[in-house]
Amino acid sequence: MTYLILNIIFLIPILAIAAWAYWTRSQLLPSRRAIGITLIVLLLATAVFDNVLIAAGIVDYNPDLILGIRLALAPIEDFAYTVGACILLPSLWALVPGRAPNQESSSSPAPHPGESGGG
């Protein structure tokens, strides 16, 4: 089994969970901008650390099982895990029971602990 096939096997359920979260709890998902910034930061970190691990000889990839596209030493397939995590984790967080948005007055902030909230 190639790494591409393995990535597809894991990304299909991740995308299904993300779609479910989007359709049922989209108001609880972070903004696309926040997810995008997180994805960029994590992809950069993945690029650095994967290349260090490969250069140090800790991790290696069978050339017959990768597409052959690399960012320095890291095969492109290795970045799918980062993309999957950036999609899956916010989706699961939105789907956690009991995280329904407060339907009361969303324009007024909640009182701080120790305050009565009244006037």
PDB file of N, CA and C in Angstrom:
ATOM      1  N   MET A   1       0.849  -1.170   0.000  1.00  0.00           N
ATOM      2  CA  MET A   1       0.000   0.000   0.000  1.00  0.00           C
ATOM      3  C   MET A   1       0.903   1.244   0.000  1.00  0.00           C
ATOM      4  N   THR A   2       0.599   2.166  -0.874  1.00  0.00           N
ATOM      5  CA  THR A   2       1.393   3.399  -0.947  1.00  0.00           C
ATOM      6  C   THR A   2       0.930   4.393   0.117  1.00  0.00           C
ATOM      7  N   TYR A   3       1.788   5.377   0.384  1.00  0.00           N
ATOM      8  CA  TYR A   3       1.428   6.412   1.354  1.00  0.00           C
ATOM      9  C   TYR A   3       0.238   7.235   0.861  1.00  0.00           C
ATOM     10  N   LEU A   4       0.115   7.415  -0.441  1.00  0.00           N
ATOM     11  CA  LEU A   4      -1.021   8.147  -0.992  1.00  0.00           C
ATOM     12  C   LEU A   4      -2.330   7.423  -0.672  1.00  0.00           C
ATOM     13  N   ILE A   5      -2.367   6.121  -0.867  1.00  0.00           N
ATOM     14  CA  ILE A   5      -3.571   5.336  -0.557  1.00  0.00           C
ATOM     15  C   ILE A   5      -3.866   5.404   0.941  1.00  0.00           C
ATOM     16  N   LEU A   6      -2.835   5.290   1.763  1.00  0.00           N
ATOM     17  CA  LEU A   6      -3.021   5.391   3.206  1.00  0.00           C
ATOM     18  C   LEU A   6      -3.594   6.753   3.593  1.00  0.00           C
ATOM     19  N   ASN A   7      -3.086   7.808   2.981  1.00  0.00           N
ATOM     20  CA  ASN A   7      -3.604   9.149   3.252  1.00  0.00           C
ATOM     21  C   ASN A   7      -5.072   9.268   2.850  1.00  0.00           C
ATOM     22  N   ILE A   8      -5.420   8.731   1.711  1.00  0.00           N
ATOM     23  CA  ILE A   8      -6.813   8.789   1.242  1.00  0.00           C
ATOM     24  C   ILE A   8      -7.729   8.043   2.214  1.00  0.00           C
ATOM     25  N   ILE A   9      -7.274   6.889   2.697  1.00  0.00           N
ATOM     26  CA  ILE A   9      -8.077   6.105   3.639  1.00  0.00           C
ATOM     27  C   ILE A   9      -8.376   6.912   4.900  1.00  0.00           C
ATOM     28  N   PHE A  10      -7.403   7.685   5.370  1.00  0.00           N
ATOM     29  CA  PHE A  10      -7.617   8.486   6.575  1.00  0.00           C
ATOM     30  C   PHE A  10      -8.326   9.799   6.293  1.00  0.00           C
ATOM     31  N   LEU A  11      -8.115  10.391   5.133  1.00  0.00           N
ATOM     32  CA  LEU A  11      -8.722  11.691   4.850  1.00  0.00           C
ATOM     33  C   LEU A  11     -10.217  11.606   4.537  1.00  0.00           C
ATOM     34  N   ILE A  12     -10.679  10.501   4.002  1.00  0.00           N
ATOM     35  CA  ILE A  12     -12.109  10.373   3.682  1.00  0.00           C
ATOM     36  C   ILE A  12     -12.968  10.496   4.949  1.00  0.00           C
ATOM     37  N   PRO A  13     -12.692   9.737   6.016  1.00  0.00           N
ATOM     38  CA  PRO A  13     -13.513   9.928   7.222  1.00  0.00           C
ATOM     39  C   PRO A  13     -13.317  11.306   7.856  1.00  0.00           C
ATOM     40  N   ILE A  14     -12.113  11.862   7.762  1.00  0.00           N
ATOM     41  CA  ILE A  14     -11.872  13.203   8.298  1.00  0.00           C
ATOM     42  C   ILE A  14     -12.753  14.217   7.576  1.00  0.00           C
ATOM     43  N   LEU A  15     -12.830  14.126   6.267  1.00  0.00           N
ATOM     44  CA  LEU A  15     -13.671  15.043   5.499  1.00  0.00           C
ATOM     45  C   LEU A  15     -15.152  14.822   5.800  1.00  0.00           C
ATOM     46  N   ALA A  16     -15.540  13.584   6.052  1.00  0.00           N
ATOM     47  CA  ALA A  16     -16.937  13.306   6.413  1.00  0.00           C
ATOM     48  C   ALA A  16     -17.272  13.938   7.761  1.00  0.00           C
ATOM     49  N   ILE A  17     -16.376  13.823   8.728  1.00  0.00           N
ATOM     50  CA  ILE A  17     -16.595  14.434  10.045  1.00  0.00           C
ATOM     51  C   ILE A  17     -16.645  15.951   9.916  1.00  0.00           C
ATOM     52  N   ALA A  18     -15.751  16.512   9.106  1.00  0.00           N
ATOM     53  CA  ALA A  18     -15.734  17.965   8.901  1.00  0.00           C
ATOM     54  C   ALA A  18     -17.030  18.440   8.252  1.00  0.00           C
ATOM     55  N   ALA A  19     -17.530  17.689   7.286  1.00  0.00           N
ATOM     56  CA  ALA A  19     -18.790  18.059   6.642  1.00  0.00           C
ATOM     57  C   ALA A  19     -19.938  18.002   7.644  1.00  0.00           C
ATOM     58  N   TRP A  20     -19.946  16.989   8.471  1.00  0.00           N
ATOM     59  CA  TRP A  20     -20.979  16.854   9.505  1.00  0.00           C
ATOM     60  C   TRP A  20     -20.915  18.045  10.457  1.00  0.00           C
ATOM     61  N   ALA A  21     -19.716  18.407  10.896  1.00  0.00           N
ATOM     62  CA  ALA A  21     -19.568  19.558  11.801  1.00  0.00           C
ATOM     63  C   ALA A  21     -20.012  20.838  11.111  1.00  0.00           C
ATOM     64  N   TYR A  22     -19.666  20.997   9.854  1.00  0.00           N
ATOM     65  CA  TYR A  22     -20.031  22.214   9.130  1.00  0.00           C
ATOM     66  C   TYR A  22     -21.545  22.322   8.980  1.00  0.00           C
ATOM     67  N   TRP A  23     -22.195  21.209   8.638  1.00  0.00           N
ATOM     68  CA  TRP A  23     -23.637  21.248   8.415  1.00  0.00           C
ATOM     69  C   TRP A  23     -24.438  21.362   9.705  1.00  0.00           C
ATOM     70  N   THR A  24     -23.913  20.806  10.804  1.00  0.00           N
ATOM     71  CA  THR A  24     -24.696  20.789  12.033  1.00  0.00           C
ATOM     72  C   THR A  24     -24.257  21.806  13.077  1.00  0.00           C
ATOM     73  N   ARG A  25     -22.996  22.195  13.080  1.00  0.00           N
ATOM     74  CA  ARG A  25     -22.487  23.057  14.142  1.00  0.00           C
ATOM     75  C   ARG A  25     -21.543  24.127  13.591  1.00  0.00           C
ATOM     76  N   SER A  26     -21.805  24.627  12.409  1.00  0.00           N
ATOM     77  CA  SER A  26     -20.878  25.561  11.769  1.00  0.00           C
ATOM     78  C   SER A  26     -20.619  26.815  12.600  1.00  0.00           C
ATOM     79  N   GLN A  27     -21.572  27.217  13.422  1.00  0.00           N
ATOM     80  CA  GLN A  27     -21.383  28.410  14.245  1.00  0.00           C
ATOM     81  C   GLN A  27     -20.306  28.198  15.312  1.00  0.00           C
ATOM     82  N   LEU A  28     -19.946  26.953  15.602  1.00  0.00           N
ATOM     83  CA  LEU A  28     -18.928  26.658  16.601  1.00  0.00           C
ATOM     84  C   LEU A  28     -17.548  26.438  16.000  1.00  0.00           C
ATOM     85  N   LEU A  29     -17.464  26.395  14.684  1.00  0.00           N
ATOM     86  CA  LEU A  29     -16.165  26.191  14.034  1.00  0.00           C
ATOM     87  C   LEU A  29     -15.361  27.482  14.039  1.00  0.00           C
ATOM     88  N   PRO A  30     -14.036  27.371  14.138  1.00  0.00           N
ATOM     89  CA  PRO A  30     -13.212  28.578  14.023  1.00  0.00           C
ATOM     90  C   PRO A  30     -13.355  29.169  12.622  1.00  0.00           C
ATOM     91  N   SER A  31     -12.943  30.407  12.476  1.00  0.00           N
ATOM     92  CA  SER A  31     -13.020  31.036  11.166  1.00  0.00           C
ATOM     93  C   SER A  31     -12.068  30.350  10.188  1.00  0.00           C
ATOM     94  N   ARG A  32     -12.353  30.474   8.927  1.00  0.00           N
ATOM     95  CA  ARG A  32     -11.460  29.910   7.904  1.00  0.00           C
ATOM     96  C   ARG A  32     -10.082  30.538   7.985  1.00  0.00           C
ATOM     97  N   ARG A  33     -10.062  31.815   8.333  1.00  0.00           N
ATOM     98  CA  ARG A  33      -8.774  32.508   8.466  1.00  0.00           C
ATOM     99  C   ARG A  33      -7.942  31.888   9.589  1.00  0.00           C
ATOM    100  N   ALA A  34      -8.568  31.619  10.721  1.00  0.00           N
ATOM    101  CA  ALA A  34      -7.858  31.013  11.850  1.00  0.00           C
ATOM    102  C   ALA A  34      -7.333  29.632  11.482  1.00  0.00           C
ATOM    103  N   ILE A  35      -8.161  28.854  10.810  1.00  0.00           N
ATOM    104  CA  ILE A  35      -7.725  27.517  10.384  1.00  0.00           C
ATOM    105  C   ILE A  35      -6.598  27.638   9.365  1.00  0.00           C
ATOM    106  N   GLY A  36      -6.705  28.584   8.449  1.00  0.00           N
ATOM    107  CA  GLY A  36      -5.663  28.778   7.439  1.00  0.00           C
ATOM    108  C   GLY A  36      -4.327  29.177   8.048  1.00  0.00           C
ATOM    109  N   ILE A  37      -4.351  30.098   9.001  1.00  0.00           N
ATOM    110  CA  ILE A  37      -3.114  30.516   9.664  1.00  0.00           C
ATOM    111  C   ILE A  37      -2.507  29.343  10.430  1.00  0.00           C
ATOM    112  N   THR A  38      -3.345  28.601  11.132  1.00  0.00           N
ATOM    113  CA  THR A  38      -2.870  27.428  11.858  1.00  0.00           C
ATOM    114  C   THR A  38      -2.258  26.416  10.904  1.00  0.00           C
ATOM    115  N   LEU A  39      -2.912  26.198   9.776  1.00  0.00           N
ATOM    116  CA  LEU A  39      -2.411  25.245   8.791  1.00  0.00           C
ATOM    117  C   LEU A  39      -1.043  25.670   8.264  1.00  0.00           C
ATOM    118  N   ILE A  40      -0.865  26.933   7.950  1.00  0.00           N
ATOM    119  CA  ILE A  40       0.422  27.420   7.441  1.00  0.00           C
ATOM    120  C   ILE A  40       1.523  27.211   8.479  1.00  0.00           C
ATOM    121  N   VAL A  41       1.240  27.581   9.723  1.00  0.00           N
ATOM    122  CA  VAL A  41       2.242  27.425  10.791  1.00  0.00           C
ATOM    123  C   VAL A  41       2.604  25.955  10.970  1.00  0.00           C
ATOM    124  N   LEU A  42       1.598  25.091  11.001  1.00  0.00           N
ATOM    125  CA  LEU A  42       1.867  23.668  11.204  1.00  0.00           C
ATOM    126  C   LEU A  42       2.555  23.031  10.005  1.00  0.00           C
ATOM    127  N   LEU A  43       2.230  23.471   8.796  1.00  0.00           N
ATOM    128  CA  LEU A  43       2.927  22.945   7.615  1.00  0.00           C
ATOM    129  C   LEU A  43       4.399  23.347   7.630  1.00  0.00           C
ATOM    130  N   LEU A  44       4.687  24.578   8.039  1.00  0.00           N
ATOM    131  CA  LEU A  44       6.089  25.010   8.151  1.00  0.00           C
ATOM    132  C   LEU A  44       6.822  24.194   9.216  1.00  0.00           C
ATOM    133  N   ALA A  45       6.182  23.987  10.357  1.00  0.00           N
ATOM    134  CA  ALA A  45       6.805  23.182  11.412  1.00  0.00           C
ATOM    135  C   ALA A  45       7.013  21.745  10.947  1.00  0.00           C
ATOM    136  N   THR A  46       6.037  21.203  10.242  1.00  0.00           N
ATOM    137  CA  THR A  46       6.162  19.847   9.714  1.00  0.00           C
ATOM    138  C   THR A  46       7.326  19.760   8.737  1.00  0.00           C
ATOM    139  N   ALA A  47       7.452  20.747   7.870  1.00  0.00           N
ATOM    140  CA  ALA A  47       8.550  20.747   6.905  1.00  0.00           C
ATOM    141  C   ALA A  47       9.897  20.745   7.615  1.00  0.00           C
ATOM    142  N   VAL A  48      10.031  21.572   8.618  1.00  0.00           N
ATOM    143  CA  VAL A  48      11.305  21.647   9.352  1.00  0.00           C
ATOM    144  C   VAL A  48      11.590  20.330  10.063  1.00  0.00           C
ATOM    145  N   PHE A  49      10.660  19.886  10.883  1.00  0.00           N
ATOM    146  CA  PHE A  49      10.922  18.714  11.710  1.00  0.00           C
ATOM    147  C   PHE A  49      11.006  17.424  10.891  1.00  0.00           C
ATOM    148  N   ASP A  50      10.197  17.268   9.869  1.00  0.00           N
ATOM    149  CA  ASP A  50      10.302  16.079   9.025  1.00  0.00           C
ATOM    150  C   ASP A  50      11.663  16.015   8.344  1.00  0.00           C
ATOM    151  N   ASN A  51      12.121  17.150   7.847  1.00  0.00           N
ATOM    152  CA  ASN A  51      13.425  17.161   7.191  1.00  0.00           C
ATOM    153  C   ASN A  51      14.554  16.860   8.174  1.00  0.00           C
ATOM    154  N   VAL A  52      14.444  17.355   9.402  1.00  0.00           N
ATOM    155  CA  VAL A  52      15.452  17.046  10.427  1.00  0.00           C
ATOM    156  C   VAL A  52      15.435  15.548  10.736  1.00  0.00           C
ATOM    157  N   LEU A  53      14.247  14.973  10.906  1.00  0.00           N
ATOM    158  CA  LEU A  53      14.142  13.543  11.204  1.00  0.00           C
ATOM    159  C   LEU A  53      14.695  12.686  10.067  1.00  0.00           C
ATOM    160  N   ILE A  54      14.427  13.082   8.846  1.00  0.00           N
ATOM    161  CA  ILE A  54      14.913  12.318   7.700  1.00  0.00           C
ATOM    162  C   ILE A  54      16.422  12.491   7.560  1.00  0.00           C
ATOM    163  N   ALA A  55      16.915  13.709   7.706  1.00  0.00           N
ATOM    164  CA  ALA A  55      18.351  13.975   7.592  1.00  0.00           C
ATOM    165  C   ALA A  55      19.138  13.243   8.682  1.00  0.00           C
ATOM    166  N   ALA A  56      18.554  13.119   9.867  1.00  0.00           N
ATOM    167  CA  ALA A  56      19.226  12.434  10.968  1.00  0.00           C
ATOM    168  C   ALA A  56      19.160  10.914  10.829  1.00  0.00           C
ATOM    169  N   GLY A  57      18.388  10.428   9.874  1.00  0.00           N
ATOM    170  CA  GLY A  57      18.270   8.992   9.661  1.00  0.00           C
ATOM    171  C   GLY A  57      17.292   8.308  10.597  1.00  0.00           C
ATOM    172  N   ILE A  58      16.490   9.090  11.304  1.00  0.00           N
ATOM    173  CA  ILE A  58      15.507   8.514  12.225  1.00  0.00           C
ATOM    174  C   ILE A  58      14.325   7.943  11.453  1.00  0.00           C
ATOM    175  N   VAL A  59      13.937   8.605  10.371  1.00  0.00           N
ATOM    176  CA  VAL A  59      12.808   8.193   9.545  1.00  0.00           C
ATOM    177  C   VAL A  59      13.292   8.093   8.101  1.00  0.00           C
ATOM    178  N   ASP A  60      12.769   7.117   7.395  1.00  0.00           N
ATOM    179  CA  ASP A  60      13.081   6.996   5.971  1.00  0.00           C
ATOM    180  C   ASP A  60      11.834   6.482   5.263  1.00  0.00           C
ATOM    181  N   TYR A  61      11.767   6.701   3.983  1.00  0.00           N
ATOM    182  CA  TYR A  61      10.602   6.301   3.196  1.00  0.00           C
ATOM    183  C   TYR A  61      11.049   5.431   2.041  1.00  0.00           C
ATOM    184  N   ASN A  62      10.298   4.378   1.798  1.00  0.00           N
ATOM    185  CA  ASN A  62      10.566   3.509   0.662  1.00  0.00           C
ATOM    186  C   ASN A  62      10.232   4.291  -0.611  1.00  0.00           C
ATOM    187  N   PRO A  63      11.197   4.496  -1.500  1.00  0.00           N
ATOM    188  CA  PRO A  63      10.933   5.290  -2.699  1.00  0.00           C
ATOM    189  C   PRO A  63       9.859   4.684  -3.609  1.00  0.00           C
ATOM    190  N   ASP A  64       9.602   3.392  -3.473  1.00  0.00           N
ATOM    191  CA  ASP A  64       8.564   2.753  -4.289  1.00  0.00           C
ATOM    192  C   ASP A  64       7.160   3.054  -3.775  1.00  0.00           C
ATOM    193  N   LEU A  65       7.048   3.583  -2.557  1.00  0.00           N
ATOM    194  CA  LEU A  65       5.741   3.818  -1.956  1.00  0.00           C
ATOM    195  C   LEU A  65       5.350   5.288  -1.902  1.00  0.00           C
ATOM    196  N   ILE A  66       6.195   6.176  -2.394  1.00  0.00           N
ATOM    197  CA  ILE A  66       5.877   7.608  -2.403  1.00  0.00           C
ATOM    198  C   ILE A  66       5.754   8.086  -3.838  1.00  0.00           C
ATOM    199  N   LEU A  67       5.131   9.259  -4.004  1.00  0.00           N
ATOM    200  CA  LEU A  67       4.953   9.817  -5.343  1.00  0.00           C
ATOM    201  C   LEU A  67       6.274  10.302  -5.948  1.00  0.00           C
ATOM    202  N   GLY A  68       7.223  10.648  -5.090  1.00  0.00           N
ATOM    203  CA  GLY A  68       8.503  11.148  -5.568  1.00  0.00           C
ATOM    204  C   GLY A  68       8.625  12.654  -5.475  1.00  0.00           C
ATOM    205  N   ILE A  69       7.529  13.331  -5.139  1.00  0.00           N
ATOM    206  CA  ILE A  69       7.572  14.784  -4.950  1.00  0.00           C
ATOM    207  C   ILE A  69       8.008  15.027  -3.516  1.00  0.00           C
ATOM    208  N   ARG A  70       9.059  15.832  -3.369  1.00  0.00           N
ATOM    209  CA  ARG A  70       9.592  16.089  -2.033  1.00  0.00           C
ATOM    210  C   ARG A  70       9.752  17.581  -1.806  1.00  0.00           C
ATOM    211  N   LEU A  71       9.613  17.978  -0.559  1.00  0.00           N
ATOM    212  CA  LEU A  71       9.986  19.319  -0.124  1.00  0.00           C
ATOM    213  C   LEU A  71      11.263  19.127   0.672  1.00  0.00           C
ATOM    214  N   ALA A  72      12.382  19.418   0.033  1.00  0.00           N
ATOM    215  CA  ALA A  72      13.711  19.073   0.547  1.00  0.00           C
ATOM    216  C   ALA A  72      13.759  17.549   0.642  1.00  0.00           C
ATOM    217  N   LEU A  73      13.816  16.974   1.837  1.00  0.00           N
ATOM    218  CA  LEU A  73      13.884  15.516   1.976  1.00  0.00           C
ATOM    219  C   LEU A  73      12.525  14.872   2.243  1.00  0.00           C
ATOM    220  N   ALA A  74      11.552  15.660   2.667  1.00  0.00           N
ATOM    221  CA  ALA A  74      10.252  15.121   3.090  1.00  0.00           C
ATOM    222  C   ALA A  74       9.334  14.873   1.895  1.00  0.00           C
ATOM    223  N   PRO A  75       8.784  13.659   1.805  1.00  0.00           N
ATOM    224  CA  PRO A  75       7.819  13.395   0.727  1.00  0.00           C
ATOM    225  C   PRO A  75       6.534  14.185   0.957  1.00  0.00           C
ATOM    226  N   ILE A  76       5.923  14.585  -0.119  1.00  0.00           N
ATOM    227  CA  ILE A  76       4.718  15.423  -0.061  1.00  0.00           C
ATOM    228  C   ILE A  76       3.585  14.721   0.708  1.00  0.00           C
ATOM    229  N   GLU A  77       3.551  13.394   0.645  1.00  0.00           N
ATOM    230  CA  GLU A  77       2.492  12.651   1.343  1.00  0.00           C
ATOM    231  C   GLU A  77       2.536  12.863   2.848  1.00  0.00           C
ATOM    232  N   ASP A  78       3.707  13.162   3.378  1.00  0.00           N
ATOM    233  CA  ASP A  78       3.851  13.320   4.812  1.00  0.00           C
ATOM    234  C   ASP A  78       3.108  14.548   5.346  1.00  0.00           C
ATOM    235  N   PHE A  79       2.781  15.476   4.486  1.00  0.00           N
ATOM    236  CA  PHE A  79       2.083  16.688   4.904  1.00  0.00           C
ATOM    237  C   PHE A  79       0.577  16.473   5.020  1.00  0.00           C
ATOM    238  N   ALA A  80       0.074  15.356   4.530  1.00  0.00           N
ATOM    239  CA  ALA A  80      -1.360  15.071   4.622  1.00  0.00           C
ATOM    240  C   ALA A  80      -1.806  14.919   6.065  1.00  0.00           C
ATOM    241  N   TYR A  81      -0.917  14.432   6.926  1.00  0.00           N
ATOM    242  CA  TYR A  81      -1.281  14.261   8.330  1.00  0.00           C
ATOM    243  C   TYR A  81      -1.539  15.622   8.981  1.00  0.00           C
ATOM    244  N   THR A  82      -0.745  16.599   8.629  1.00  0.00           N
ATOM    245  CA  THR A  82      -0.926  17.948   9.164  1.00  0.00           C
ATOM    246  C   THR A  82      -2.241  18.544   8.662  1.00  0.00           C
ATOM    247  N   VAL A  83      -2.506  18.388   7.385  1.00  0.00           N
ATOM    248  CA  VAL A  83      -3.754  18.898   6.811  1.00  0.00           C
ATOM    249  C   VAL A  83      -4.942  18.197   7.475  1.00  0.00           C
ATOM    250  N   GLY A  84      -4.839  16.888   7.644  1.00  0.00           N
ATOM    251  CA  GLY A  84      -5.911  16.135   8.287  1.00  0.00           C
ATOM    252  C   GLY A  84      -6.174  16.605   9.710  1.00  0.00           C
ATOM    253  N   ALA A  85      -5.117  16.849  10.456  1.00  0.00           N
ATOM    254  CA  ALA A  85      -5.274  17.313  11.835  1.00  0.00           C
ATOM    255  C   ALA A  85      -5.921  18.689  11.886  1.00  0.00           C
ATOM    256  N   CYS A  86      -5.548  19.570  10.958  1.00  0.00           N
ATOM    257  CA  CYS A  86      -6.123  20.928  10.939  1.00  0.00           C
ATOM    258  C   CYS A  86      -7.592  20.921  10.537  1.00  0.00           C
ATOM    259  N   ILE A  87      -8.030  19.883   9.889  1.00  0.00           N
ATOM    260  CA  ILE A  87      -9.441  19.748   9.536  1.00  0.00           C
ATOM    261  C   ILE A  87     -10.197  19.016  10.651  1.00  0.00           C
ATOM    262  N   LEU A  88      -9.602  17.935  11.148  1.00  0.00           N
ATOM    263  CA  LEU A  88     -10.294  17.074  12.103  1.00  0.00           C
ATOM    264  C   LEU A  88     -10.475  17.705  13.479  1.00  0.00           C
ATOM    265  N   LEU A  89      -9.434  18.281  14.041  1.00  0.00           N
ATOM    266  CA  LEU A  89      -9.525  18.748  15.426  1.00  0.00           C
ATOM    267  C   LEU A  89     -10.563  19.845  15.642  1.00  0.00           C
ATOM    268  N   PRO A  90     -10.625  20.895  14.808  1.00  0.00           N
ATOM    269  CA  PRO A  90     -11.698  21.874  15.018  1.00  0.00           C
ATOM    270  C   PRO A  90     -13.089  21.274  14.802  1.00  0.00           C
ATOM    271  N   SER A  91     -13.184  20.320  13.888  1.00  0.00           N
ATOM    272  CA  SER A  91     -14.477  19.681  13.635  1.00  0.00           C
ATOM    273  C   SER A  91     -14.932  18.880  14.840  1.00  0.00           C
ATOM    274  N   LEU A  92     -14.027  18.106  15.415  1.00  0.00           N
ATOM    275  CA  LEU A  92     -14.386  17.342  16.609  1.00  0.00           C
ATOM    276  C   LEU A  92     -14.731  18.258  17.772  1.00  0.00           C
ATOM    277  N   TRP A  93     -13.987  19.344  17.915  1.00  0.00           N
ATOM    278  CA  TRP A  93     -14.246  20.296  19.001  1.00  0.00           C
ATOM    279  C   TRP A  93     -15.651  20.887  18.861  1.00  0.00           C
ATOM    280  N   ALA A  94     -16.044  21.206  17.642  1.00  0.00           N
ATOM    281  CA  ALA A  94     -17.380  21.764  17.420  1.00  0.00           C
ATOM    282  C   ALA A  94     -18.466  20.738  17.718  1.00  0.00           C
ATOM    283  N   LEU A  95     -18.146  19.461  17.540  1.00  0.00           N
ATOM    284  CA  LEU A  95     -19.139  18.406  17.742  1.00  0.00           C
ATOM    285  C   LEU A  95     -19.217  17.907  19.184  1.00  0.00           C
ATOM    286  N   VAL A  96     -18.363  18.402  20.064  1.00  0.00           N
ATOM    287  CA  VAL A  96     -18.400  17.978  21.465  1.00  0.00           C
ATOM    288  C   VAL A  96     -19.765  18.340  22.046  1.00  0.00           C
ATOM    289  N   PRO A  97     -20.438  17.384  22.665  1.00  0.00           N
ATOM    290  CA  PRO A  97     -21.746  17.685  23.267  1.00  0.00           C
ATOM    291  C   PRO A  97     -21.616  18.752  24.347  1.00  0.00           C
ATOM    292  N   GLY A  98     -22.649  19.568  24.452  1.00  0.00           N
ATOM    293  CA  GLY A  98     -22.665  20.609  25.461  1.00  0.00           C
ATOM    294  C   GLY A  98     -21.976  21.893  25.025  1.00  0.00           C
ATOM    295  N   ARG A  99     -21.545  21.970  23.779  1.00  0.00           N
ATOM    296  CA  ARG A  99     -20.882  23.170  23.288  1.00  0.00           C
ATOM    297  C   ARG A  99     -21.829  23.992  22.433  1.00  0.00           C
ATOM    298  N   ALA A 100     -23.111  23.872  22.664  1.00  0.00           N
ATOM    299  CA  ALA A 100     -24.079  24.658  21.900  1.00  0.00           C
ATOM    300  C   ALA A 100     -23.896  26.133  22.221  1.00  0.00           C
ATOM    301  N   PRO A 101     -24.019  26.982  21.224  1.00  0.00           N
ATOM    302  CA  PRO A 101     -23.865  28.411  21.481  1.00  0.00           C
ATOM    303  C   PRO A 101     -24.980  28.917  22.378  1.00  0.00           C
ATOM    304  N   ASN A 102     -24.647  29.911  23.174  1.00  0.00           N
ATOM    305  CA  ASN A 102     -25.625  30.514  24.079  1.00  0.00           C
ATOM    306  C   ASN A 102     -26.617  31.312  23.250  1.00  0.00           C
ATOM    307  N   GLN A 103     -27.880  30.958  23.327  1.00  0.00           N
ATOM    308  CA  GLN A 103     -28.907  31.622  22.520  1.00  0.00           C
ATOM    309  C   GLN A 103     -29.416  32.902  23.181  1.00  0.00           C
ATOM    310  N   GLU A 104     -28.995  33.155  24.438  1.00  0.00           N
ATOM    311  CA  GLU A 104     -29.416  34.382  25.104  1.00  0.00           C
ATOM    312  C   GLU A 104     -28.707  35.551  24.449  1.00  0.00           C
ATOM    313  N   SER A 105     -28.824  36.704  25.027  1.00  0.00           N
ATOM    314  CA  SER A 105     -28.284  37.914  24.407  1.00  0.00           C
ATOM    315  C   SER A 105     -26.793  37.764  24.135  1.00  0.00           C
ATOM    316  N   SER A 106     -26.455  37.542  22.884  1.00  0.00           N
ATOM    317  CA  SER A 106     -25.069  37.351  22.505  1.00  0.00           C
ATOM    318  C   SER A 106     -24.331  38.676  22.379  1.00  0.00           C
ATOM    319  N   SER A 107     -25.066  39.802  22.418  1.00  0.00           N
ATOM    320  CA  SER A 107     -24.406  41.097  22.278  1.00  0.00           C
ATOM    321  C   SER A 107     -23.831  41.585  23.596  1.00  0.00           C
ATOM    322  N   SER A 108     -24.379  41.125  24.729  1.00  0.00           N
ATOM    323  CA  SER A 108     -23.845  41.567  26.013  1.00  0.00           C
ATOM    324  C   SER A 108     -22.914  40.492  26.564  1.00  0.00           C
ATOM    325  N   PRO A 109     -21.737  40.897  27.017  1.00  0.00           N
ATOM    326  CA  PRO A 109     -20.788  39.912  27.529  1.00  0.00           C
ATOM    327  C   PRO A 109     -21.277  39.308  28.840  1.00  0.00           C
ATOM    328  N   ALA A 110     -20.833  38.109  29.096  1.00  0.00           N
ATOM    329  CA  ALA A 110     -21.189  37.431  30.338  1.00  0.00           C
ATOM    330  C   ALA A 110     -20.482  38.123  31.495  1.00  0.00           C
ATOM    331  N   PRO A 111     -21.124  38.161  32.667  1.00  0.00           N
ATOM    332  CA  PRO A 111     -20.467  38.803  33.813  1.00  0.00           C
ATOM    333  C   PRO A 111     -19.249  37.983  34.248  1.00  0.00           C
ATOM    334  N   HIS A 112     -18.291  38.687  34.827  1.00  0.00           N
ATOM    335  CA  HIS A 112     -17.109  38.030  35.355  1.00  0.00           C
ATOM    336  C   HIS A 112     -17.482  37.300  36.621  1.00  0.00           C
ATOM    337  N   PRO A 113     -16.702  36.279  36.988  1.00  0.00           N
ATOM    338  CA  PRO A 113     -17.001  35.585  38.246  1.00  0.00           C
ATOM    339  C   PRO A 113     -17.018  36.567  39.410  1.00  0.00           C
ATOM    340  N   GLY A 114     -17.971  36.422  40.285  1.00  0.00           N
ATOM    341  CA  GLY A 114     -18.086  37.293  41.432  1.00  0.00           C
ATOM    342  C   GLY A 114     -18.998  38.487  41.188  1.00  0.00           C
ATOM    343  N   GLU A 115     -19.386  38.736  39.952  1.00  0.00           N
ATOM    344  CA  GLU A 115     -20.308  39.822  39.636  1.00  0.00           C
ATOM    345  C   GLU A 115     -21.707  39.262  39.537  1.00  0.00           C
ATOM    346  N   SER A 116     -22.673  40.034  39.923  1.00  0.00           N
ATOM    347  CA  SER A 116     -24.055  39.547  39.888  1.00  0.00           C
ATOM    348  C   SER A 116     -24.656  39.656  38.497  1.00  0.00           C
ATOM    349  N   GLY A 117     -24.108  40.517  37.680  1.00  0.00           N
ATOM    350  CA  GLY A 117     -24.639  40.690  36.340  1.00  0.00           C
ATOM    351  C   GLY A 117     -25.809  41.637  36.277  1.00  0.00           C
ATOM    352  N   GLY A 118     -26.345  42.004  37.422  1.00  0.00           N
ATOM    353  CA  GLY A 118     -27.490  42.908  37.461  1.00  0.00           C
ATOM    354  C   GLY A 118     -27.050  44.328  37.779  1.00  0.00           C
ATOM    355  N   GLY A 119     -27.976  45.282  37.771  1.00  0.00           N
ATOM    356  CA  GLY A 119     -27.606  46.668  37.959  1.00  0.00           C
ATOM    357  C   GLY A 119     -28.090  47.216  39.188  1.00  0.00           C
TER     358      GLY A 119
END
